[in-house]
């Protein structure tokens, strides 16, 4: 059961951010990619997911874009929130209540502020990142584990237009995959855990998959991961996103030692574009 408990938390984070681990010190930046000319998401967009191990529901997550446009650093921003929680028997073994968020520039597709409030079993972590892209810097504010009052601040140098772990996911959705070749590795320069981390995902091709929303044409992605004892084979984690202007996550599947863990889209609200429903 320990493998199941850790597996749920591990894969949920993979799904939320589409990337896990750094495979190498590859440093190409995300800004080299050509973006779609049309914004892939609406204010007020909501996407809900469920995670299962075998036939047992293990967790649920929600991706939500604010209906309000916020002004951060004198820039118009969406507020993007990702929440995740364990359910049922998994909640008894190790409760997860995570909230990751980003204030994401509506025109430049870069983060202006990032926060995460982590509650996983007895583990707690609260922090806020304040980006200053004009100075290529970020200030990391560490907050008290219980009260969320400020404990410390520290500045760091960053690369030009770096992403955080939430904004990186939304940036990925804006990439024009018609310009990406099958087998190509997409790298997004990200600031996370007080350091720059290039996260990589390989584009494997296109498939049609069955979901709660119907049969949908999908892009297949594989995060570039270091070998880990949780997984039983290489490239075991696959992610499917819709092959349309939305590029919403549809499914994640991973083989772990206790079987297969799957995360599936459950419902959507306020998508900007029509889904790529297969005929």
C-alpha atoms as a PDB file:
ATOM      1  CA  UNK A   1       0.000   0.000   0.000  1.00  0.00           C
ATOM      2  CA  UNK A   2       2.976   2.320   0.552  1.00  0.00           C
ATOM      3  CA  UNK A   3       3.759   2.137  -3.173  1.00  0.00           C
ATOM      4  CA  UNK A   4       0.159   3.034  -3.978  1.00  0.00           C
ATOM      5  CA  UNK A   5       0.153   5.982  -1.600  1.00  0.00           C
ATOM      6  CA  UNK A   6       3.398   7.405  -2.924  1.00  0.00           C
ATOM      7  CA  UNK A   7       2.408   6.574  -6.486  1.00  0.00           C
ATOM      8  CA  UNK A   8      -0.743   8.655  -6.293  1.00  0.00           C
ATOM      9  CA  UNK A   9       1.091  11.741  -5.070  1.00  0.00           C
ATOM     10  CA  UNK A  10       3.927  11.187  -7.530  1.00  0.00           C
ATOM     11  CA  UNK A  11       1.793  10.770 -10.639  1.00  0.00           C
ATOM     12  CA  UNK A  12      -0.668  13.486  -9.690  1.00  0.00           C
ATOM     13  CA  UNK A  13       2.159  15.980  -9.636  1.00  0.00           C
ATOM     14  CA  UNK A  14       3.372  14.634 -12.959  1.00  0.00           C
ATOM     15  CA  UNK A  15      -0.050  15.161 -14.422  1.00  0.00           C
ATOM     16  CA  UNK A  16      -0.511  18.623 -13.005  1.00  0.00           C
ATOM     17  CA  UNK A  17       2.685  19.872 -14.534  1.00  0.00           C
ATOM     18  CA  UNK A  18       3.242  17.409 -17.387  1.00  0.00           C
ATOM     19  CA  UNK A  19       6.900  17.165 -16.488  1.00  0.00           C
ATOM     20  CA  UNK A  20       8.914  15.146 -13.964  1.00  0.00           C
ATOM     21  CA  UNK A  21      12.615  15.219 -13.222  1.00  0.00           C
ATOM     22  CA  UNK A  22      15.453  16.632 -15.246  1.00  0.00           C
ATOM     23  CA  UNK A  23      16.928  14.143 -17.682  1.00  0.00           C
ATOM     24  CA  UNK A  24      19.985  16.282 -18.429  1.00  0.00           C
ATOM     25  CA  UNK A  25      21.357  19.807 -18.209  1.00  0.00           C
ATOM     26  CA  UNK A  26      19.805  20.664 -21.558  1.00  0.00           C
ATOM     27  CA  UNK A  27      19.212  24.431 -21.532  1.00  0.00           C
ATOM     28  CA  UNK A  28      17.252  25.379 -24.644  1.00  0.00           C
ATOM     29  CA  UNK A  29      14.506  27.819 -23.678  1.00  0.00           C
ATOM     30  CA  UNK A  30      10.807  27.555 -24.356  1.00  0.00           C
ATOM     31  CA  UNK A  31      10.693  30.902 -26.109  1.00  0.00           C
ATOM     32  CA  UNK A  32      12.169  29.348 -29.254  1.00  0.00           C
ATOM     33  CA  UNK A  33       8.872  27.618 -30.019  1.00  0.00           C
ATOM     34  CA  UNK A  34       6.297  29.073 -32.337  1.00  0.00           C
ATOM     35  CA  UNK A  35       3.024  29.755 -30.542  1.00  0.00           C
ATOM     36  CA  UNK A  36      -0.500  29.467 -31.870  1.00  0.00           C
ATOM     37  CA  UNK A  37      -1.880  32.786 -33.038  1.00  0.00           C
ATOM     38  CA  UNK A  38      -5.095  32.132 -31.121  1.00  0.00           C
ATOM     39  CA  UNK A  39      -5.215  31.999 -27.305  1.00  0.00           C
ATOM     40  CA  UNK A  40      -5.868  28.356 -26.264  1.00  0.00           C
ATOM     41  CA  UNK A  41      -7.950  29.079 -23.169  1.00  0.00           C
ATOM     42  CA  UNK A  42     -10.738  31.272 -21.831  1.00  0.00           C
ATOM     43  CA  UNK A  43     -11.128  33.143 -18.582  1.00  0.00           C
ATOM     44  CA  UNK A  44     -13.357  30.918 -16.458  1.00  0.00           C
ATOM     45  CA  UNK A  45     -12.102  27.644 -17.952  1.00  0.00           C
ATOM     46  CA  UNK A  46     -12.421  24.654 -15.609  1.00  0.00           C
ATOM     47  CA  UNK A  47     -11.165  21.098 -16.152  1.00  0.00           C
ATOM     48  CA  UNK A  48     -11.755  18.298 -13.639  1.00  0.00           C
ATOM     49  CA  UNK A  49      -9.975  14.944 -13.395  1.00  0.00           C
ATOM     50  CA  UNK A  50     -10.089  11.714 -11.438  1.00  0.00           C
ATOM     51  CA  UNK A  51      -7.237   9.343 -10.640  1.00  0.00           C
ATOM     52  CA  UNK A  52      -7.691   5.599 -10.232  1.00  0.00           C
ATOM     53  CA  UNK A  53      -5.505   2.640  -9.363  1.00  0.00           C
ATOM     54  CA  UNK A  54      -7.129  -0.294 -11.076  1.00  0.00           C
ATOM     55  CA  UNK A  55     -10.827   0.268 -10.456  1.00  0.00           C
ATOM     56  CA  UNK A  56     -10.335   2.173  -7.190  1.00  0.00           C
ATOM     57  CA  UNK A  57     -10.689   5.955  -7.200  1.00  0.00           C
ATOM     58  CA  UNK A  58      -7.595   7.467  -5.606  1.00  0.00           C
ATOM     59  CA  UNK A  59      -7.658  11.228  -6.123  1.00  0.00           C
ATOM     60  CA  UNK A  60      -9.172  14.149  -7.979  1.00  0.00           C
ATOM     61  CA  UNK A  61      -7.830  17.411  -9.362  1.00  0.00           C
ATOM     62  CA  UNK A  62      -9.104  20.620 -10.910  1.00  0.00           C
ATOM     63  CA  UNK A  63      -7.473  23.154 -13.239  1.00  0.00           C
ATOM     64  CA  UNK A  64      -9.207  26.536 -13.075  1.00  0.00           C
ATOM     65  CA  UNK A  65      -8.619  29.857 -14.842  1.00  0.00           C
ATOM     66  CA  UNK A  66     -10.034  32.936 -13.125  1.00  0.00           C
ATOM     67  CA  UNK A  67     -12.899  34.871 -14.650  1.00  0.00           C
ATOM     68  CA  UNK A  68     -11.288  38.080 -13.358  1.00  0.00           C
ATOM     69  CA  UNK A  69      -8.254  39.673 -15.031  1.00  0.00           C
ATOM     70  CA  UNK A  70      -5.795  40.761 -12.318  1.00  0.00           C
ATOM     71  CA  UNK A  71      -3.175  43.508 -12.550  1.00  0.00           C
ATOM     72  CA  UNK A  72       0.177  42.205 -11.305  1.00  0.00           C
ATOM     73  CA  UNK A  73       3.368  44.186 -11.944  1.00  0.00           C
ATOM     74  CA  UNK A  74       1.219  46.519 -14.051  1.00  0.00           C
ATOM     75  CA  UNK A  75       0.447  43.599 -16.355  1.00  0.00           C
ATOM     76  CA  UNK A  76      -2.960  41.975 -17.081  1.00  0.00           C
ATOM     77  CA  UNK A  77      -2.910  38.406 -15.789  1.00  0.00           C
ATOM     78  CA  UNK A  78      -5.084  35.348 -15.436  1.00  0.00           C
ATOM     79  CA  UNK A  79      -5.011  33.587 -12.100  1.00  0.00           C
ATOM     80  CA  UNK A  80      -4.448  29.888 -12.758  1.00  0.00           C
ATOM     81  CA  UNK A  81      -5.196  27.483  -9.895  1.00  0.00           C
ATOM     82  CA  UNK A  82      -4.519  23.770  -9.750  1.00  0.00           C
ATOM     83  CA  UNK A  83      -5.900  21.872  -6.775  1.00  0.00           C
ATOM     84  CA  UNK A  84      -5.457  18.190  -5.985  1.00  0.00           C
ATOM     85  CA  UNK A  85      -6.791  15.956  -3.230  1.00  0.00           C
ATOM     86  CA  UNK A  86      -6.780  12.262  -2.389  1.00  0.00           C
ATOM     87  CA  UNK A  87     -10.083  10.443  -1.872  1.00  0.00           C
ATOM     88  CA  UNK A  88     -11.439   7.313  -0.196  1.00  0.00           C
ATOM     89  CA  UNK A  89      -9.000   4.799   1.235  1.00  0.00           C
ATOM     90  CA  UNK A  90      -6.054   6.736  -0.169  1.00  0.00           C
ATOM     91  CA  UNK A  91      -7.087   9.748   1.882  1.00  0.00           C
ATOM     92  CA  UNK A  92      -6.872   7.625   5.031  1.00  0.00           C
ATOM     93  CA  UNK A  93      -3.298   6.529   4.358  1.00  0.00           C
ATOM     94  CA  UNK A  94      -1.867   9.912   3.346  1.00  0.00           C
ATOM     95  CA  UNK A  95      -4.129  12.892   2.811  1.00  0.00           C
ATOM     96  CA  UNK A  96      -3.144  15.286   0.014  1.00  0.00           C
ATOM     97  CA  UNK A  97      -4.533  18.828  -0.189  1.00  0.00           C
ATOM     98  CA  UNK A  98      -2.411  20.802  -2.646  1.00  0.00           C
ATOM     99  CA  UNK A  99      -2.968  24.196  -4.243  1.00  0.00           C
ATOM    100  CA  UNK A 100      -0.558  25.485  -6.879  1.00  0.00           C
ATOM    101  CA  UNK A 101      -1.222  28.789  -8.608  1.00  0.00           C
ATOM    102  CA  UNK A 102       0.184  31.343 -11.011  1.00  0.00           C
ATOM    103  CA  UNK A 103      -0.678  34.844 -12.154  1.00  0.00           C
ATOM    104  CA  UNK A 104      -0.041  34.355 -15.872  1.00  0.00           C
ATOM    105  CA  UNK A 105       0.429  37.309 -18.236  1.00  0.00           C
ATOM    106  CA  UNK A 106      -2.446  37.351 -20.743  1.00  0.00           C
ATOM    107  CA  UNK A 107      -0.325  38.741 -23.580  1.00  0.00           C
ATOM    108  CA  UNK A 108       3.279  37.705 -22.924  1.00  0.00           C
ATOM    109  CA  UNK A 109       2.558  34.168 -21.618  1.00  0.00           C
ATOM    110  CA  UNK A 110       4.945  34.502 -18.678  1.00  0.00           C
ATOM    111  CA  UNK A 111       4.287  34.301 -14.909  1.00  0.00           C
ATOM    112  CA  UNK A 112       4.217  37.399 -12.746  1.00  0.00           C
ATOM    113  CA  UNK A 113       3.634  35.595  -9.456  1.00  0.00           C
ATOM    114  CA  UNK A 114       3.524  31.973  -8.323  1.00  0.00           C
ATOM    115  CA  UNK A 115       2.377  30.319  -5.093  1.00  0.00           C
ATOM    116  CA  UNK A 116       2.001  26.855  -3.688  1.00  0.00           C
ATOM    117  CA  UNK A 117       0.358  25.629  -0.513  1.00  0.00           C
ATOM    118  CA  UNK A 118       1.277  21.995   0.055  1.00  0.00           C
ATOM    119  CA  UNK A 119      -0.325  19.647   2.568  1.00  0.00           C
ATOM    120  CA  UNK A 120       0.663  16.013   2.073  1.00  0.00           C
ATOM    121  CA  UNK A 121       0.341  13.859   5.165  1.00  0.00           C
ATOM    122  CA  UNK A 122       2.480  15.606   7.770  1.00  0.00           C
ATOM    123  CA  UNK A 123       4.466  17.499   5.166  1.00  0.00           C
ATOM    124  CA  UNK A 124       3.744  21.225   4.725  1.00  0.00           C
ATOM    125  CA  UNK A 125       5.240  23.818   2.411  1.00  0.00           C
ATOM    126  CA  UNK A 126       4.000  27.326   1.642  1.00  0.00           C
ATOM    127  CA  UNK A 127       5.732  29.866  -0.590  1.00  0.00           C
ATOM    128  CA  UNK A 128       5.187  32.749  -2.997  1.00  0.00           C
ATOM    129  CA  UNK A 129       7.438  33.706  -5.930  1.00  0.00           C
ATOM    130  CA  UNK A 130       7.547  37.317  -7.123  1.00  0.00           C
ATOM    131  CA  UNK A 131       8.888  37.618 -10.675  1.00  0.00           C
ATOM    132  CA  UNK A 132      10.578  40.680 -12.141  1.00  0.00           C
ATOM    133  CA  UNK A 133      11.229  39.847 -15.781  1.00  0.00           C
ATOM    134  CA  UNK A 134      12.664  43.286 -16.542  1.00  0.00           C
ATOM    135  CA  UNK A 135      15.497  42.517 -14.126  1.00  0.00           C
ATOM    136  CA  UNK A 136      15.579  38.751 -14.797  1.00  0.00           C
ATOM    137  CA  UNK A 137      15.064  38.070 -11.106  1.00  0.00           C
ATOM    138  CA  UNK A 138      12.645  36.388  -8.719  1.00  0.00           C
ATOM    139  CA  UNK A 139      12.129  36.789  -4.981  1.00  0.00           C
ATOM    140  CA  UNK A 140      11.130  33.629  -3.128  1.00  0.00           C
ATOM    141  CA  UNK A 141       9.073  34.240   0.013  1.00  0.00           C
ATOM    142  CA  UNK A 142       8.976  31.302   2.440  1.00  0.00           C
ATOM    143  CA  UNK A 143       5.854  31.204   4.606  1.00  0.00           C
ATOM    144  CA  UNK A 144       5.126  29.588   7.962  1.00  0.00           C
ATOM    145  CA  UNK A 145       3.828  26.031   7.545  1.00  0.00           C
ATOM    146  CA  UNK A 146       0.711  26.728   9.604  1.00  0.00           C
ATOM    147  CA  UNK A 147      -0.009  30.481   9.655  1.00  0.00           C
ATOM    148  CA  UNK A 148       1.426  31.319   6.206  1.00  0.00           C
ATOM    149  CA  UNK A 149       3.082  34.377   7.704  1.00  0.00           C
ATOM    150  CA  UNK A 150       6.313  35.525   6.058  1.00  0.00           C
ATOM    151  CA  UNK A 151       9.436  33.812   7.404  1.00  0.00           C
ATOM    152  CA  UNK A 152      12.116  34.775   4.905  1.00  0.00           C
ATOM    153  CA  UNK A 153      12.820  36.233   1.460  1.00  0.00           C
ATOM    154  CA  UNK A 154      15.615  35.507  -0.972  1.00  0.00           C
ATOM    155  CA  UNK A 155      16.342  36.789  -4.470  1.00  0.00           C
ATOM    156  CA  UNK A 156      17.535  34.673  -7.394  1.00  0.00           C
ATOM    157  CA  UNK A 157      18.691  35.385 -10.937  1.00  0.00           C
ATOM    158  CA  UNK A 158      16.555  33.817 -13.679  1.00  0.00           C
ATOM    159  CA  UNK A 159      16.745  33.412 -17.426  1.00  0.00           C
ATOM    160  CA  UNK A 160      14.711  35.585 -19.769  1.00  0.00           C
ATOM    161  CA  UNK A 161      10.953  34.905 -19.545  1.00  0.00           C
ATOM    162  CA  UNK A 162      11.323  31.790 -17.383  1.00  0.00           C
ATOM    163  CA  UNK A 163       8.174  29.852 -16.466  1.00  0.00           C
ATOM    164  CA  UNK A 164       6.929  28.477 -13.151  1.00  0.00           C
ATOM    165  CA  UNK A 165       5.478  24.982 -12.804  1.00  0.00           C
ATOM    166  CA  UNK A 166       1.891  26.071 -13.426  1.00  0.00           C
ATOM    167  CA  UNK A 167       2.490  28.664 -16.137  1.00  0.00           C
ATOM    168  CA  UNK A 168       4.746  26.171 -17.932  1.00  0.00           C
ATOM    169  CA  UNK A 169       1.761  23.879 -18.419  1.00  0.00           C
ATOM    170  CA  UNK A 170      -0.349  26.711 -19.864  1.00  0.00           C
ATOM    171  CA  UNK A 171       2.559  27.822 -22.038  1.00  0.00           C
ATOM    172  CA  UNK A 172       2.815  24.280 -23.421  1.00  0.00           C
ATOM    173  CA  UNK A 173      -0.817  24.521 -24.511  1.00  0.00           C
ATOM    174  CA  UNK A 174       0.019  27.614 -26.559  1.00  0.00           C
ATOM    175  CA  UNK A 175       2.743  25.886 -28.600  1.00  0.00           C
ATOM    176  CA  UNK A 176       1.824  25.227 -32.240  1.00  0.00           C
ATOM    177  CA  UNK A 177       2.273  21.455 -32.511  1.00  0.00           C
ATOM    178  CA  UNK A 178       1.919  21.610 -36.282  1.00  0.00           C
ATOM    179  CA  UNK A 179       5.465  22.994 -36.141  1.00  0.00           C
ATOM    180  CA  UNK A 180       6.726  20.208 -33.846  1.00  0.00           C
ATOM    181  CA  UNK A 181       8.113  17.037 -35.420  1.00  0.00           C
ATOM    182  CA  UNK A 182       7.311  13.569 -34.104  1.00  0.00           C
ATOM    183  CA  UNK A 183      10.097  12.530 -31.729  1.00  0.00           C
ATOM    184  CA  UNK A 184      11.101  16.123 -30.973  1.00  0.00           C
ATOM    185  CA  UNK A 185      11.811  17.021 -27.341  1.00  0.00           C
ATOM    186  CA  UNK A 186      10.192  20.195 -26.054  1.00  0.00           C
ATOM    187  CA  UNK A 187      12.140  21.954 -23.304  1.00  0.00           C
ATOM    188  CA  UNK A 188      10.667  24.608 -21.038  1.00  0.00           C
ATOM    189  CA  UNK A 189      12.990  26.564 -18.761  1.00  0.00           C
ATOM    190  CA  UNK A 190      11.365  26.624 -15.324  1.00  0.00           C
ATOM    191  CA  UNK A 191      12.167  28.052 -11.895  1.00  0.00           C
ATOM    192  CA  UNK A 192      11.250  25.592  -9.165  1.00  0.00           C
ATOM    193  CA  UNK A 193      12.559  24.725  -5.679  1.00  0.00           C
ATOM    194  CA  UNK A 194      14.846  27.780  -5.680  1.00  0.00           C
ATOM    195  CA  UNK A 195      16.659  26.902  -8.876  1.00  0.00           C
ATOM    196  CA  UNK A 196      16.360  26.880 -12.658  1.00  0.00           C
ATOM    197  CA  UNK A 197      15.211  23.522 -13.978  1.00  0.00           C
ATOM    198  CA  UNK A 198      14.766  22.730 -17.672  1.00  0.00           C
ATOM    199  CA  UNK A 199      11.880  20.282 -17.978  1.00  0.00           C
ATOM    200  CA  UNK A 200      11.520  18.189 -21.081  1.00  0.00           C
ATOM    201  CA  UNK A 201       8.722  16.299 -22.773  1.00  0.00           C
ATOM    202  CA  UNK A 202       8.878  14.287 -26.006  1.00  0.00           C
ATOM    203  CA  UNK A 203       6.176  14.539 -28.671  1.00  0.00           C
ATOM    204  CA  UNK A 204       5.403  10.949 -29.673  1.00  0.00           C
ATOM    205  CA  UNK A 205       2.706  11.488 -32.289  1.00  0.00           C
ATOM    206  CA  UNK A 206      -1.085  11.467 -32.566  1.00  0.00           C
ATOM    207  CA  UNK A 207      -3.819   9.007 -31.529  1.00  0.00           C
ATOM    208  CA  UNK A 208      -7.570   8.855 -31.024  1.00  0.00           C
ATOM    209  CA  UNK A 209      -8.532   8.007 -27.440  1.00  0.00           C
ATOM    210  CA  UNK A 210     -11.795   7.280 -25.685  1.00  0.00           C
ATOM    211  CA  UNK A 211     -12.726   9.662 -22.845  1.00  0.00           C
ATOM    212  CA  UNK A 212     -15.749  10.719 -20.805  1.00  0.00           C
ATOM    213  CA  UNK A 213     -16.100  13.527 -23.344  1.00  0.00           C
ATOM    214  CA  UNK A 214     -16.162  11.119 -26.309  1.00  0.00           C
ATOM    215  CA  UNK A 215     -13.523   9.885 -28.734  1.00  0.00           C
ATOM    216  CA  UNK A 216     -11.008  12.691 -29.146  1.00  0.00           C
ATOM    217  CA  UNK A 217      -7.992  13.173 -31.378  1.00  0.00           C
ATOM    218  CA  UNK A 218      -4.975  13.575 -29.121  1.00  0.00           C
ATOM    219  CA  UNK A 219      -1.299  14.491 -29.036  1.00  0.00           C
ATOM    220  CA  UNK A 220       0.846  11.959 -27.163  1.00  0.00           C
ATOM    221  CA  UNK A 221       3.586  13.244 -24.845  1.00  0.00           C
ATOM    222  CA  UNK A 222       6.176  11.421 -22.745  1.00  0.00           C
ATOM    223  CA  UNK A 223       7.988  13.365 -19.985  1.00  0.00           C
ATOM    224  CA  UNK A 224      11.736  12.754 -20.027  1.00  0.00           C
ATOM    225  CA  UNK A 225      12.367  11.133 -16.660  1.00  0.00           C
ATOM    226  CA  UNK A 226      15.229   9.663 -14.720  1.00  0.00           C
ATOM    227  CA  UNK A 227      14.793   5.981 -13.942  1.00  0.00           C
ATOM    228  CA  UNK A 228      12.876   5.630 -10.702  1.00  0.00           C
ATOM    229  CA  UNK A 229      12.044   2.640  -8.520  1.00  0.00           C
ATOM    230  CA  UNK A 230       8.336   3.439  -8.662  1.00  0.00           C
ATOM    231  CA  UNK A 231       8.093   2.642 -12.364  1.00  0.00           C
ATOM    232  CA  UNK A 232       8.633  -0.776 -13.865  1.00  0.00           C
ATOM    233  CA  UNK A 233       9.823   0.296 -17.315  1.00  0.00           C
ATOM    234  CA  UNK A 234      11.152   3.292 -19.242  1.00  0.00           C
ATOM    235  CA  UNK A 235       8.690   5.720 -20.854  1.00  0.00           C
ATOM    236  CA  UNK A 236       6.017   4.297 -18.582  1.00  0.00           C
ATOM    237  CA  UNK A 237       4.329   7.668 -18.074  1.00  0.00           C
ATOM    238  CA  UNK A 238       2.307   8.903 -21.061  1.00  0.00           C
ATOM    239  CA  UNK A 239       0.133  11.980 -21.359  1.00  0.00           C
ATOM    240  CA  UNK A 240      -2.553  12.686 -23.948  1.00  0.00           C
ATOM    241  CA  UNK A 241      -3.702  16.261 -24.692  1.00  0.00           C
ATOM    242  CA  UNK A 242      -6.395  17.248 -27.170  1.00  0.00           C
ATOM    243  CA  UNK A 243      -5.167  17.776 -30.725  1.00  0.00           C
ATOM    244  CA  UNK A 244      -6.977  21.073 -31.214  1.00  0.00           C
ATOM    245  CA  UNK A 245      -6.601  24.728 -30.223  1.00  0.00           C
ATOM    246  CA  UNK A 246      -7.476  23.935 -26.580  1.00  0.00           C
ATOM    247  CA  UNK A 247      -4.798  21.283 -25.969  1.00  0.00           C
ATOM    248  CA  UNK A 248      -6.401  20.269 -22.698  1.00  0.00           C
ATOM    249  CA  UNK A 249      -5.083  17.243 -20.783  1.00  0.00           C
ATOM    250  CA  UNK A 250      -7.220  14.178 -21.457  1.00  0.00           C
ATOM    251  CA  UNK A 251      -5.456  11.216 -19.906  1.00  0.00           C
ATOM    252  CA  UNK A 252      -2.354  10.042 -18.075  1.00  0.00           C
ATOM    253  CA  UNK A 253      -1.374   6.396 -17.747  1.00  0.00           C
ATOM    254  CA  UNK A 254       1.550   4.930 -15.849  1.00  0.00           C
ATOM    255  CA  UNK A 255       2.575   1.409 -14.949  1.00  0.00           C
ATOM    256  CA  UNK A 256       3.742   1.136 -11.361  1.00  0.00           C
ATOM    257  CA  UNK A 257       4.579  -1.892  -9.241  1.00  0.00           C
ATOM    258  CA  UNK A 258       1.038  -2.255  -7.950  1.00  0.00           C
ATOM    259  CA  UNK A 259      -0.526  -2.041 -11.419  1.00  0.00           C
ATOM    260  CA  UNK A 260      -1.722   0.817 -13.588  1.00  0.00           C
ATOM    261  CA  UNK A 261      -2.484   4.288 -12.348  1.00  0.00           C
ATOM    262  CA  UNK A 262      -4.701   6.364 -14.650  1.00  0.00           C
ATOM    263  CA  UNK A 263      -5.834   9.961 -14.535  1.00  0.00           C
ATOM    264  CA  UNK A 264      -8.752  10.855 -16.801  1.00  0.00           C
ATOM    265  CA  UNK A 265     -10.599  14.022 -17.669  1.00  0.00           C
ATOM    266  CA  UNK A 266     -14.011  14.013 -16.007  1.00  0.00           C
ATOM    267  CA  UNK A 267     -15.675  17.233 -17.154  1.00  0.00           C
ATOM    268  CA  UNK A 268     -14.880  20.596 -18.711  1.00  0.00           C
ATOM    269  CA  UNK A 269     -16.407  24.062 -18.569  1.00  0.00           C
ATOM    270  CA  UNK A 270     -15.952  27.214 -20.638  1.00  0.00           C
ATOM    271  CA  UNK A 271     -13.487  25.815 -23.182  1.00  0.00           C
ATOM    272  CA  UNK A 272     -12.583  28.449 -25.739  1.00  0.00           C
ATOM    273  CA  UNK A 273     -12.529  26.124 -28.758  1.00  0.00           C
ATOM    274  CA  UNK A 274     -14.362  23.045 -29.969  1.00  0.00           C
ATOM    275  CA  UNK A 275     -12.814  19.755 -28.917  1.00  0.00           C
ATOM    276  CA  UNK A 276     -11.261  17.529 -31.587  1.00  0.00           C
ATOM    277  CA  UNK A 277     -14.040  14.930 -31.481  1.00  0.00           C
ATOM    278  CA  UNK A 278     -13.263  12.006 -33.781  1.00  0.00           C
ATOM    279  CA  UNK A 279     -15.996  11.021 -36.227  1.00  0.00           C
END
